[in-house]
C-alpha atoms as a PDB file:
ATOM      1  CA  MET A   1     -58.063-125.236   5.911  1.00  0.00           C
ATOM      2  CA  SER A   2     -59.944-128.507   6.339  1.00  0.00           C
ATOM      3  CA  GLY A   3     -59.088-131.693   4.463  1.00  0.00           C
ATOM      4  CA  ARG A   4     -61.327-133.244   1.847  1.00  0.00           C
ATOM      5  CA  SER A   5     -61.855-136.977   1.418  1.00  0.00           C
ATOM      6  CA  PRO A   6     -63.745-137.845  -1.775  1.00  0.00           C
ATOM      7  CA  ALA A   7     -64.147-141.505  -0.805  1.00  0.00           C
ATOM      8  CA  ARG A   8     -63.392-143.525   2.301  1.00  0.00           C
ATOM      9  CA  ALA A   9     -60.676-146.073   1.596  1.00  0.00           C
ATOM     10  CA  THR A  10     -60.927-149.490   3.241  1.00  0.00           C
ATOM     11  CA  PRO A  11     -58.274-150.491   5.798  1.00  0.00           C
ATOM     12  CA  LEU A  12     -56.198-153.503   4.799  1.00  0.00           C
ATOM     13  CA  ALA A  13     -55.900-156.865   6.545  1.00  0.00           C
ATOM     14  CA  ARG A  14     -53.669-156.550   9.603  1.00  0.00           C
ATOM     15  CA  PRO A  15     -51.280-159.283  10.761  1.00  0.00           C
ATOM     16  CA  ALA A  16     -51.089-160.556  14.325  1.00  0.00           C
ATOM     17  CA  ARG A  17     -48.724-158.911  16.784  1.00  0.00           C
ATOM     18  CA  LEU A  18     -45.530-160.705  17.755  1.00  0.00           C
ATOM     19  CA  ARG A  19     -44.844-162.405  21.060  1.00  0.00           C
ATOM     20  CA  PRO A  20     -41.754-163.895  22.721  1.00  0.00           C
ATOM     21  CA  GLY A  21     -40.716-166.932  20.721  1.00  0.00           C
ATOM     22  CA  SER A  22     -42.185-165.737  17.419  1.00  0.00           C
ATOM     23  CA  ARG A  23     -40.170-166.997  14.471  1.00  0.00           C
ATOM     24  CA  VAL A  24     -39.201-164.150  12.131  1.00  0.00           C
ATOM     25  CA  ALA A  25     -37.321-164.167   8.840  1.00  0.00           C
ATOM     26  CA  VAL A  26     -34.718-161.683   7.612  1.00  0.00           C
ATOM     27  CA  VAL A  27     -34.497-161.171   3.832  1.00  0.00           C
ATOM     28  CA  ALA A  28     -32.605-158.849   1.465  1.00  0.00           C
ATOM     29  CA  PRO A  29     -34.854-157.794  -1.445  1.00  0.00           C
ATOM     30  CA  SER A  30     -32.572-154.974  -2.596  1.00  0.00           C
ATOM     31  CA  GLY A  31     -28.947-154.069  -1.917  1.00  0.00           C
ATOM     32  CA  PRO A  32     -26.084-156.193  -0.512  1.00  0.00           C
ATOM     33  CA  VAL A  33     -25.877-156.585   3.256  1.00  0.00           C
ATOM     34  CA  PRO A  34     -22.671-156.208   5.338  1.00  0.00           C
ATOM     35  CA  ALA A  35     -22.236-159.384   7.384  1.00  0.00           C
ATOM     36  CA  ASP A  36     -21.229-157.582  10.593  1.00  0.00           C
ATOM     37  CA  ARG A  37     -24.302-155.352  10.517  1.00  0.00           C
ATOM     38  CA  LEU A  38     -26.563-158.308   9.820  1.00  0.00           C
ATOM     39  CA  GLU A  39     -25.121-160.196  12.781  1.00  0.00           C
ATOM     40  CA  GLU A  40     -25.588-157.200  15.084  1.00  0.00           C
ATOM     41  CA  GLY A  41     -29.160-156.620  13.929  1.00  0.00           C
ATOM     42  CA  VAL A  42     -30.159-160.263  14.293  1.00  0.00           C
ATOM     43  CA  ALA A  43     -28.728-160.177  17.831  1.00  0.00           C
ATOM     44  CA  PHE A  44     -31.167-157.375  18.716  1.00  0.00           C
ATOM     45  CA  LEU A  45     -34.061-159.503  17.450  1.00  0.00           C
ATOM     46  CA  ARG A  46     -32.903-162.356  19.674  1.00  0.00           C
ATOM     47  CA  ASP A  47     -32.631-159.966  22.617  1.00  0.00           C
ATOM     48  CA  TRP A  48     -36.300-159.120  22.026  1.00  0.00           C
ATOM     49  CA  GLY A  49     -37.148-162.786  22.518  1.00  0.00           C
ATOM     50  CA  LEU A  50     -37.729-163.483  18.837  1.00  0.00           C
ATOM     51  CA  ASP A  51     -36.462-166.517  16.905  1.00  0.00           C
ATOM     52  CA  PRO A  52     -34.815-165.059  13.773  1.00  0.00           C
ATOM     53  CA  VAL A  53     -33.929-167.093  10.684  1.00  0.00           C
ATOM     54  CA  VAL A  54     -31.865-165.586   7.875  1.00  0.00           C
ATOM     55  CA  GLY A  55     -32.751-166.185   4.233  1.00  0.00           C
ATOM     56  CA  PRO A  56     -30.192-168.282   2.325  1.00  0.00           C
ATOM     57  CA  HIS A  57     -29.262-165.443  -0.060  1.00  0.00           C
ATOM     58  CA  VAL A  58     -29.193-162.496   2.373  1.00  0.00           C
ATOM     59  CA  LEU A  59     -25.399-162.206   2.222  1.00  0.00           C
ATOM     60  CA  SER A  60     -25.190-162.874  -1.521  1.00  0.00           C
ATOM     61  CA  VAL A  61     -23.917-160.349  -4.040  1.00  0.00           C
ATOM     62  CA  HIS A  62     -24.924-160.407  -7.696  1.00  0.00           C
ATOM     63  CA  PRO A  63     -21.968-161.724  -9.753  1.00  0.00           C
ATOM     64  CA  GLU A  64     -22.015-158.805 -12.225  1.00  0.00           C
ATOM     65  CA  LEU A  65     -24.136-156.125 -10.528  1.00  0.00           C
ATOM     66  CA  ASP A  66     -22.640-155.635  -7.098  1.00  0.00           C
ATOM     67  CA  HIS A  67     -25.340-153.128  -6.085  1.00  0.00           C
ATOM     68  CA  LEU A  68     -27.739-156.077  -5.731  1.00  0.00           C
ATOM     69  CA  ALA A  69     -27.956-158.670  -2.945  1.00  0.00           C
ATOM     70  CA  GLY A  70     -27.772-161.608  -5.334  1.00  0.00           C
ATOM     71  CA  ARG A  71     -29.783-162.460  -8.408  1.00  0.00           C
ATOM     72  CA  ASP A  72     -33.352-161.226  -8.732  1.00  0.00           C
ATOM     73  CA  ALA A  73     -34.803-164.735  -8.659  1.00  0.00           C
ATOM     74  CA  ASP A  74     -32.867-165.605  -5.503  1.00  0.00           C
ATOM     75  CA  ARG A  75     -33.957-162.465  -3.642  1.00  0.00           C
ATOM     76  CA  ALA A  76     -37.557-163.131  -4.649  1.00  0.00           C
ATOM     77  CA  ALA A  77     -37.267-166.786  -3.611  1.00  0.00           C
ATOM     78  CA  ASP A  78     -36.116-165.837  -0.112  1.00  0.00           C
ATOM     79  CA  LEU A  79     -39.074-163.508   0.403  1.00  0.00           C
ATOM     80  CA  GLN A  80     -41.527-165.986  -1.128  1.00  0.00           C
ATOM     81  CA  ALA A  81     -40.290-168.867   1.023  1.00  0.00           C
ATOM     82  CA  ALA A  82     -40.413-166.809   4.207  1.00  0.00           C
ATOM     83  CA  TRP A  83     -43.930-165.565   3.534  1.00  0.00           C
ATOM     84  CA  CYS A  84     -45.311-168.967   2.630  1.00  0.00           C
ATOM     85  CA  ASP A  85     -43.693-170.733   5.602  1.00  0.00           C
ATOM     86  CA  PRO A  86     -46.502-171.143   8.166  1.00  0.00           C
ATOM     87  CA  ALA A  87     -43.953-171.129  11.003  1.00  0.00           C
ATOM     88  CA  VAL A  88     -42.769-167.604  10.132  1.00  0.00           C
ATOM     89  CA  GLU A  89     -44.810-164.770  11.669  1.00  0.00           C
ATOM     90  CA  ALA A  90     -42.862-161.773  10.378  1.00  0.00           C
ATOM     91  CA  VAL A  91     -40.494-160.792   7.587  1.00  0.00           C
ATOM     92  CA  PHE A  92     -37.870-158.130   8.275  1.00  0.00           C
ATOM     93  CA  CYS A  93     -35.864-156.521   5.471  1.00  0.00           C
ATOM     94  CA  ALA A  94     -32.137-156.303   6.148  1.00  0.00           C
ATOM     95  CA  ARG A  95     -31.681-153.076   4.168  1.00  0.00           C
ATOM     96  CA  GLY A  96     -32.947-151.063   1.215  1.00  0.00           C
ATOM     97  CA  GLY A  97     -30.757-149.630  -1.517  1.00  0.00           C
ATOM     98  CA  TYR A  98     -31.929-150.686  -4.969  1.00  0.00           C
ATOM     99  CA  GLY A  99     -33.424-153.821  -6.458  1.00  0.00           C
ATOM    100  CA  ALA A 100     -36.993-154.310  -5.204  1.00  0.00           C
ATOM    101  CA  HIS A 101     -38.426-153.145  -8.542  1.00  0.00           C
ATOM    102  CA  ARG A 102     -36.424-155.875 -10.277  1.00  0.00           C
ATOM    103  CA  MET A 103     -37.871-158.730  -8.220  1.00  0.00           C
ATOM    104  CA  VAL A 104     -41.401-157.650  -7.246  1.00  0.00           C
ATOM    105  CA  ASP A 105     -42.988-159.179 -10.364  1.00  0.00           C
ATOM    106  CA  LEU A 106     -41.207-162.491  -9.743  1.00  0.00           C
ATOM    107  CA  LEU A 107     -43.210-163.077  -6.565  1.00  0.00           C
ATOM    108  CA  ASP A 108     -46.257-165.370  -6.641  1.00  0.00           C
ATOM    109  CA  TRP A 109     -48.847-162.943  -5.319  1.00  0.00           C
ATOM    110  CA  ALA A 110     -51.631-165.517  -5.370  1.00  0.00           C
ATOM    111  CA  ALA A 111     -49.589-167.704  -3.017  1.00  0.00           C
ATOM    112  CA  ILE A 112     -48.759-164.718  -0.840  1.00  0.00           C
ATOM    113  CA  ARG A 113     -52.439-163.797  -0.565  1.00  0.00           C
ATOM    114  CA  ALA A 114     -53.275-167.393   0.318  1.00  0.00           C
ATOM    115  CA  ALA A 115     -50.649-167.391   3.088  1.00  0.00           C
ATOM    116  CA  GLY A 116     -52.385-164.394   4.679  1.00  0.00           C
ATOM    117  CA  PRO A 117     -51.017-161.231   6.288  1.00  0.00           C
ATOM    118  CA  LYS A 118     -47.751-161.267   8.224  1.00  0.00           C
ATOM    119  CA  VAL A 119     -45.678-158.532   9.804  1.00  0.00           C
ATOM    120  CA  PHE A 120     -43.510-156.937   7.104  1.00  0.00           C
ATOM    121  CA  VAL A 121     -40.960-154.256   7.997  1.00  0.00           C
ATOM    122  CA  GLY A 122     -38.784-152.022   5.817  1.00  0.00           C
ATOM    123  CA  TYR A 123     -38.514-148.625   4.151  1.00  0.00           C
ATOM    124  CA  SER A 124     -36.590-146.801   1.408  1.00  0.00           C
ATOM    125  CA  ASP A 125     -36.428-149.099  -1.661  1.00  0.00           C
ATOM    126  CA  ILE A 126     -38.792-151.459   0.183  1.00  0.00           C
ATOM    127  CA  THR A 127     -41.537-148.927  -0.638  1.00  0.00           C
ATOM    128  CA  VAL A 128     -42.083-150.937  -3.843  1.00  0.00           C
ATOM    129  CA  LEU A 129     -42.983-153.994  -1.769  1.00  0.00           C
ATOM    130  CA  HIS A 130     -45.202-152.005   0.605  1.00  0.00           C
ATOM    131  CA  GLU A 131     -47.206-150.876  -2.410  1.00  0.00           C
ATOM    132  CA  ALA A 132     -47.335-154.415  -3.816  1.00  0.00           C
ATOM    133  CA  PHE A 133     -48.518-155.917  -0.525  1.00  0.00           C
ATOM    134  CA  ALA A 134     -51.220-153.222  -0.366  1.00  0.00           C
ATOM    135  CA  LEU A 135     -52.388-153.298  -3.980  1.00  0.00           C
ATOM    136  CA  ARG A 136     -51.840-156.957  -4.907  1.00  0.00           C
ATOM    137  CA  ALA A 137     -52.454-158.732  -1.590  1.00  0.00           C
ATOM    138  CA  GLY A 138     -54.513-156.302   0.500  1.00  0.00           C
ATOM    139  CA  PHE A 139     -52.145-156.515   3.495  1.00  0.00           C
ATOM    140  CA  ALA A 140     -51.120-153.813   5.960  1.00  0.00           C
ATOM    141  CA  THR A 141     -47.354-153.418   6.483  1.00  0.00           C
ATOM    142  CA  LEU A 142     -44.895-151.419   8.601  1.00  0.00           C
ATOM    143  CA  HIS A 143     -42.746-148.598   7.223  1.00  0.00           C
ATOM    144  CA  GLY A 144     -39.951-149.039   9.723  1.00  0.00           C
ATOM    145  CA  PRO A 145     -36.228-149.471  10.293  1.00  0.00           C
ATOM    146  CA  MET A 146     -34.325-152.383   8.789  1.00  0.00           C
ATOM    147  CA  VAL A 147     -32.204-154.671  10.900  1.00  0.00           C
ATOM    148  CA  ALA A 148     -28.823-154.166   9.196  1.00  0.00           C
ATOM    149  CA  THR A 149     -28.983-150.375   8.897  1.00  0.00           C
ATOM    150  CA  GLU A 150     -27.254-147.694  10.944  1.00  0.00           C
ATOM    151  CA  THR A 151     -30.494-146.202  12.259  1.00  0.00           C
ATOM    152  CA  PHE A 152     -31.697-149.502  13.703  1.00  0.00           C
ATOM    153  CA  LEU A 153     -28.310-150.487  15.103  1.00  0.00           C
ATOM    154  CA  LYS A 154     -27.263-147.168  16.648  1.00  0.00           C
ATOM    155  CA  ASN A 155     -30.465-145.323  17.562  1.00  0.00           C
ATOM    156  CA  GLU A 156     -32.272-146.723  20.596  1.00  0.00           C
ATOM    157  CA  PRO A 157     -35.479-144.610  20.256  1.00  0.00           C
ATOM    158  CA  THR A 158     -35.857-145.937  16.705  1.00  0.00           C
ATOM    159  CA  ARG A 159     -35.458-149.534  17.862  1.00  0.00           C
ATOM    160  CA  GLU A 160     -37.757-149.109  20.822  1.00  0.00           C
ATOM    161  CA  HIS A 161     -40.549-147.587  18.754  1.00  0.00           C
ATOM    162  CA  LEU A 162     -40.385-150.542  16.375  1.00  0.00           C
ATOM    163  CA  ARG A 163     -40.367-152.993  19.271  1.00  0.00           C
ATOM    164  CA  ALA A 164     -43.417-151.332  20.829  1.00  0.00           C
ATOM    165  CA  THR A 165     -45.203-151.482  17.463  1.00  0.00           C
ATOM    166  CA  LEU A 166     -44.449-155.195  17.157  1.00  0.00           C
ATOM    167  CA  PHE A 167     -45.357-156.310  20.682  1.00  0.00           C
ATOM    168  CA  ALA A 168     -47.703-153.635  22.077  1.00  0.00           C
ATOM    169  CA  PRO A 169     -49.024-151.621  19.112  1.00  0.00           C
ATOM    170  CA  GLU A 170     -51.797-150.032  21.181  1.00  0.00           C
ATOM    171  CA  SER A 171     -49.047-148.135  23.068  1.00  0.00           C
ATOM    172  CA  VAL A 172     -47.905-146.213  19.966  1.00  0.00           C
ATOM    173  CA  LEU A 173     -51.114-145.044  18.332  1.00  0.00           C
ATOM    174  CA  VAL A 174     -50.081-141.369  18.290  1.00  0.00           C
ATOM    175  CA  LEU A 175     -47.135-140.536  16.006  1.00  0.00           C
ATOM    176  CA  GLY A 176     -45.321-137.255  15.604  1.00  0.00           C
ATOM    177  CA  ARG A 177     -42.106-135.855  17.031  1.00  0.00           C
ATOM    178  CA  ASP A 178     -41.783-132.386  18.515  1.00  0.00           C
ATOM    179  CA  THR A 179     -40.462-131.145  15.163  1.00  0.00           C
ATOM    180  CA  ALA A 180     -43.831-131.731  13.435  1.00  0.00           C
ATOM    181  CA  ARG A 181     -45.586-128.554  12.312  1.00  0.00           C
ATOM    182  CA  PRO A 182     -48.268-127.593   9.787  1.00  0.00           C
ATOM    183  CA  LEU A 183     -47.231-126.749   6.262  1.00  0.00           C
ATOM    184  CA  VAL A 184     -50.954-126.483   5.519  1.00  0.00           C
ATOM    185  CA  PRO A 185     -53.204-126.607   8.609  1.00  0.00           C
ATOM    186  CA  GLY A 186     -56.294-128.770   8.874  1.00  0.00           C
ATOM    187  CA  ARG A 187     -57.529-132.224   9.804  1.00  0.00           C
ATOM    188  CA  ALA A 188     -57.905-135.256   7.555  1.00  0.00           C
ATOM    189  CA  GLU A 189     -58.828-138.910   7.903  1.00  0.00           C
ATOM    190  CA  GLY A 190     -57.913-141.809   5.666  1.00  0.00           C
ATOM    191  CA  VAL A 191     -55.999-145.042   5.221  1.00  0.00           C
ATOM    192  CA  LEU A 192     -52.231-144.636   5.336  1.00  0.00           C
ATOM    193  CA  TYR A 193     -49.990-145.464   2.392  1.00  0.00           C
ATOM    194  CA  GLY A 194     -46.653-144.207   1.164  1.00  0.00           C
ATOM    195  CA  GLY A 195     -42.927-144.409   1.696  1.00  0.00           C
ATOM    196  CA  CYS A 196     -39.998-143.088  -0.320  1.00  0.00           C
ATOM    197  CA  ALA A 197     -41.169-140.411  -2.770  1.00  0.00           C
ATOM    198  CA  GLY A 198     -38.890-141.465  -5.619  1.00  0.00           C
ATOM    199  CA  LEU A 199     -40.042-145.089  -5.421  1.00  0.00           C
ATOM    200  CA  LEU A 200     -43.700-144.074  -5.292  1.00  0.00           C
ATOM    201  CA  ALA A 201     -43.203-141.975  -8.424  1.00  0.00           C
ATOM    202  CA  ALA A 202     -41.464-144.832 -10.239  1.00  0.00           C
ATOM    203  CA  ASP A 203     -44.077-147.352  -9.163  1.00  0.00           C
ATOM    204  CA  ALA A 204     -46.956-145.131 -10.309  1.00  0.00           C
ATOM    205  CA  CYS A 205     -45.750-145.637 -13.877  1.00  0.00           C
ATOM    206  CA  ALA A 206     -45.492-149.421 -13.565  1.00  0.00           C
ATOM    207  CA  PRO A 207     -48.205-151.953 -14.445  1.00  0.00           C
ATOM    208  CA  GLY A 208     -50.477-152.414 -11.439  1.00  0.00           C
ATOM    209  CA  GLY A 209     -49.221-149.229  -9.802  1.00  0.00           C
ATOM    210  CA  ARG A 210     -51.390-146.873  -7.791  1.00  0.00           C
ATOM    211  CA  THR A 211     -53.719-144.825 -10.000  1.00  0.00           C
ATOM    212  CA  HIS A 212     -55.344-142.717  -7.269  1.00  0.00           C
ATOM    213  CA  ALA A 213     -55.316-142.095  -3.527  1.00  0.00           C
ATOM    214  CA  ARG A 214     -58.975-141.411  -2.844  1.00  0.00           C
ATOM    215  CA  GLY A 215     -59.667-141.301   0.858  1.00  0.00           C
ATOM    216  CA  GLU A 216     -56.076-142.059   1.799  1.00  0.00           C
ATOM    217  CA  LEU A 217     -53.362-140.311   3.779  1.00  0.00           C
ATOM    218  CA  LEU A 218     -49.905-140.138   2.232  1.00  0.00           C
ATOM    219  CA  ALA A 219     -46.786-140.597   4.380  1.00  0.00           C
ATOM    220  CA  ILE A 220     -43.818-139.478   2.294  1.00  0.00           C
ATOM    221  CA  GLU A 221     -40.060-138.994   2.663  1.00  0.00           C
ATOM    222  CA  ASP A 222     -36.832-139.435   0.705  1.00  0.00           C
ATOM    223  CA  THR A 223     -33.060-139.218   0.824  1.00  0.00           C
ATOM    224  CA  GLY A 224     -30.315-137.941  -1.460  1.00  0.00           C
ATOM    225  CA  GLU A 225     -32.595-135.992  -3.807  1.00  0.00           C
ATOM    226  CA  GLU A 226     -31.647-132.370  -4.475  1.00  0.00           C
ATOM    227  CA  PRO A 227     -34.529-129.868  -4.392  1.00  0.00           C
ATOM    228  CA  TYR A 228     -34.939-129.773  -8.172  1.00  0.00           C
ATOM    229  CA  ARG A 229     -35.033-133.579  -8.312  1.00  0.00           C
ATOM    230  CA  LEU A 230     -37.577-133.689  -5.495  1.00  0.00           C
ATOM    231  CA  ASP A 231     -39.640-131.170  -7.464  1.00  0.00           C
ATOM    232  CA  GLY A 232     -39.542-133.556 -10.427  1.00  0.00           C
ATOM    233  CA  ILE A 233     -40.511-136.554  -8.293  1.00  0.00           C
ATOM    234  CA  LEU A 234     -43.525-134.804  -6.788  1.00  0.00           C
ATOM    235  CA  THR A 235     -44.507-133.474 -10.201  1.00  0.00           C
ATOM    236  CA  ARG A 236     -44.445-137.008 -11.638  1.00  0.00           C
ATOM    237  CA  LEU A 237     -46.674-138.179  -8.809  1.00  0.00           C
ATOM    238  CA  LEU A 238     -49.104-135.347  -9.507  1.00  0.00           C
ATOM    239  CA  ARG A 239     -49.114-135.887 -13.282  1.00  0.00           C
ATOM    240  CA  SER A 240     -49.521-139.658 -12.979  1.00  0.00           C
ATOM    241  CA  GLY A 241     -52.748-139.229 -11.032  1.00  0.00           C
ATOM    242  CA  GLY A 242     -51.246-141.171  -8.149  1.00  0.00           C
ATOM    243  CA  LEU A 243     -52.181-138.401  -5.705  1.00  0.00           C
ATOM    244  CA  ALA A 244     -55.726-137.947  -7.014  1.00  0.00           C
ATOM    245  CA  GLY A 245     -58.101-137.678  -4.070  1.00  0.00           C
ATOM    246  CA  VAL A 246     -55.444-137.850  -1.362  1.00  0.00           C
ATOM    247  CA  ALA A 247     -56.917-136.587   1.921  1.00  0.00           C
ATOM    248  CA  GLY A 248     -53.743-135.357   3.628  1.00  0.00           C
ATOM    249  CA  VAL A 249     -49.955-135.648   3.613  1.00  0.00           C
ATOM    250  CA  ALA A 250     -47.542-136.421   6.457  1.00  0.00           C
ATOM    251  CA  CYS A 251     -43.942-135.594   5.536  1.00  0.00           C
ATOM    252  CA  GLY A 252     -41.007-137.331   7.153  1.00  0.00           C
ATOM    253  CA  SER A 253     -37.292-136.671   6.777  1.00  0.00           C
ATOM    254  CA  TRP A 254     -35.460-135.417   3.681  1.00  0.00           C
ATOM    255  CA  GLN A 255     -31.982-136.533   4.637  1.00  0.00           C
ATOM    256  CA  LEU A 256     -29.191-135.458   2.275  1.00  0.00           C
ATOM    257  CA  CYS A 257     -31.682-133.600   0.074  1.00  0.00           C
ATOM    258  CA  GLY A 258     -30.100-130.222   0.756  1.00  0.00           C
ATOM    259  CA  PRO A 259     -30.817-127.487   3.327  1.00  0.00           C
ATOM    260  CA  TYR A 260     -34.383-127.737   4.584  1.00  0.00           C
ATOM    261  CA  GLU A 261     -34.972-124.075   3.777  1.00  0.00           C
ATOM    262  CA  LYS A 262     -34.677-125.137   0.120  1.00  0.00           C
ATOM    263  CA  ILE A 263     -36.788-128.301   0.529  1.00  0.00           C
ATOM    264  CA  ARG A 264     -39.697-126.599   2.254  1.00  0.00           C
ATOM    265  CA  PRO A 265     -40.614-124.300  -0.697  1.00  0.00           C
ATOM    266  CA  VAL A 266     -40.706-127.346  -2.994  1.00  0.00           C
ATOM    267  CA  LEU A 267     -43.093-129.153  -0.646  1.00  0.00           C
ATOM    268  CA  ALA A 268     -45.236-126.025  -0.320  1.00  0.00           C
ATOM    269  CA  ASP A 269     -45.350-125.502  -4.088  1.00  0.00           C
ATOM    270  CA  ARG A 270     -46.104-129.115  -5.049  1.00  0.00           C
ATOM    271  CA  LEU A 271     -48.238-130.249  -2.100  1.00  0.00           C
ATOM    272  CA  GLY A 272     -49.481-127.038  -0.553  1.00  0.00           C
ATOM    273  CA  THR A 273     -51.811-126.238  -3.438  1.00  0.00           C
ATOM    274  CA  LEU A 274     -53.782-129.496  -3.163  1.00  0.00           C
ATOM    275  CA  GLY A 275     -56.197-127.984  -0.649  1.00  0.00           C
ATOM    276  CA  ILE A 276     -55.491-130.639   1.983  1.00  0.00           C
ATOM    277  CA  PRO A 277     -53.650-130.677   5.331  1.00  0.00           C
ATOM    278  CA  VAL A 278     -49.892-131.184   5.086  1.00  0.00           C
ATOM    279  CA  VAL A 279     -47.673-131.769   8.130  1.00  0.00           C
ATOM    280  CA  GLU A 280     -43.900-131.523   7.850  1.00  0.00           C
ATOM    281  CA  GLU A 281     -41.104-133.175   9.839  1.00  0.00           C
ATOM    282  CA  VAL A 282     -43.281-135.828  11.472  1.00  0.00           C
ATOM    283  CA  GLY A 283     -40.220-137.935  12.275  1.00  0.00           C
ATOM    284  CA  PHE A 284     -40.068-141.004  10.028  1.00  0.00           C
ATOM    285  CA  GLY A 285     -37.840-142.024   7.132  1.00  0.00           C
ATOM    286  CA  HIS A 286     -34.089-141.821   6.601  1.00  0.00           C
ATOM    287  CA  GLY A 287     -33.387-139.474   9.508  1.00  0.00           C
ATOM    288  CA  PRO A 288     -31.201-140.397  12.489  1.00  0.00           C
ATOM    289  CA  THR A 289     -34.306-141.182  14.575  1.00  0.00           C
ATOM    290  CA  SER A 290     -37.232-142.782  12.781  1.00  0.00           C
ATOM    291  CA  LEU A 291     -40.746-143.677  13.871  1.00  0.00           C
ATOM    292  CA  THR A 292     -42.400-146.843  12.590  1.00  0.00           C
ATOM    293  CA  VAL A 293     -45.477-145.918  10.537  1.00  0.00           C
ATOM    294  CA  PRO A 294     -48.181-148.547   9.928  1.00  0.00           C
ATOM    295  CA  LEU A 295     -49.400-148.586   6.329  1.00  0.00           C
ATOM    296  CA  GLY A 296     -52.844-149.782   5.327  1.00  0.00           C
ATOM    297  CA  VAL A 297     -54.575-148.745   8.555  1.00  0.00           C
ATOM    298  CA  ALA A 298     -57.040-145.906   9.209  1.00  0.00           C
ATOM    299  CA  ALA A 299     -55.535-142.772  10.731  1.00  0.00           C
ATOM    300  CA  VAL A 300     -56.186-139.103  11.470  1.00  0.00           C
ATOM    301  CA  LEU A 301     -53.784-136.311  10.540  1.00  0.00           C
ATOM    302  CA  ASP A 302     -54.090-133.220  12.753  1.00  0.00           C
ATOM    303  CA  ALA A 303     -52.360-129.977  11.771  1.00  0.00           C
ATOM    304  CA  PRO A 304     -53.747-127.288  14.101  1.00  0.00           C
ATOM    305  CA  ALA A 305     -53.486-123.722  12.868  1.00  0.00           C
ATOM    306  CA  ASP A 306     -53.237-122.387  16.440  1.00  0.00           C
ATOM    307  CA  GLY A 307     -49.803-123.828  17.171  1.00  0.00           C
ATOM    308  CA  GLY A 308     -51.028-127.004  18.844  1.00  0.00           C
ATOM    309  CA  ARG A 309     -49.193-130.298  18.473  1.00  0.00           C
ATOM    310  CA  CYS A 310     -49.299-131.870  15.010  1.00  0.00           C
ATOM    311  CA  THR A 311     -49.992-135.608  15.145  1.00  0.00           C
ATOM    312  CA  LEU A 312     -50.695-138.657  13.049  1.00  0.00           C
ATOM    313  CA  THR A 313     -53.020-140.887  15.084  1.00  0.00           C
ATOM    314  CA  VAL A 314     -53.680-144.479  14.117  1.00  0.00           C
ATOM    315  CA  ARG A 315     -57.344-145.460  14.600  1.00  0.00           C
ATOM    316  CA  ALA A 316     -56.580-149.101  15.475  1.00  0.00           C
ATOM    317  CA  PRO A 317     -53.330-150.820  16.497  1.00  0.00           C
ATOM    318  CA  ALA A 318     -51.043-151.617  13.581  1.00  0.00           C
ATOM    319  CA  LEU A 319     -51.137-155.301  14.483  1.00  0.00           C
ATOM    320  CA  ARG A 320     -54.025-157.346  15.845  1.00  0.00           C
END
């Protein structure tokens, strides 16, 4: 089955790649950050030759809501200050969790647009910010591991793929682990968007959320959602119109969502009837090893029917 692309989406503005000595900021837009993990993650950034600075509220905890890394205004202020600081070339999220939806509308998006594109890295709850940077600012971002999370700290292939993306993005144009296989075979081209399925579904119902995906490729994953809940999430995305015109779907990990033999029929039922290529188990998301996926750039999704390797190939390096 071949993919269909009703309209060609426009790639977003890409930030410059990093180099030794680049100043980078670490912020916590969502959940609270363990101090020991933050220290270990920042040490890796220094080992890469970067100059990390930590936002003033990264280790804060909300006084009443201890699932948040400080008050909404403070989390937003850290991100805003980092982005608008001309000395900062990249913003790394410390972790996900919950809270990005609470602070995204507190950001001054006009000021962010004026500051121009910068490297932005995160996943999970950070999906809300990926969508905001795409839809409100027109900036490409990186769906990748966060510096105070287990995957970044303990999994070297995950770290090394992020580092290659940051410093030599032309070396990681082809994505897809050996596990990748076609759920629906075919080939599709488009501009990448996506992230955590549950956050995409929630954001589609919010003011300024995505109303269609014409000419775009969806990269999607999630964690901790039982099959029936995942069914509901994908159904909300379909009913909201947020998947209208999507050219193809690359599926990542579904960690803690139940046995994969129960997840796969949900994906086939909800996505397999769209008449577009769908590749499963590409190798990004909440899994123990996670590829960094550039969002907002043109890519090709290949899902050969003959048993060949399934790949997601970026047309241009994620960073300039």
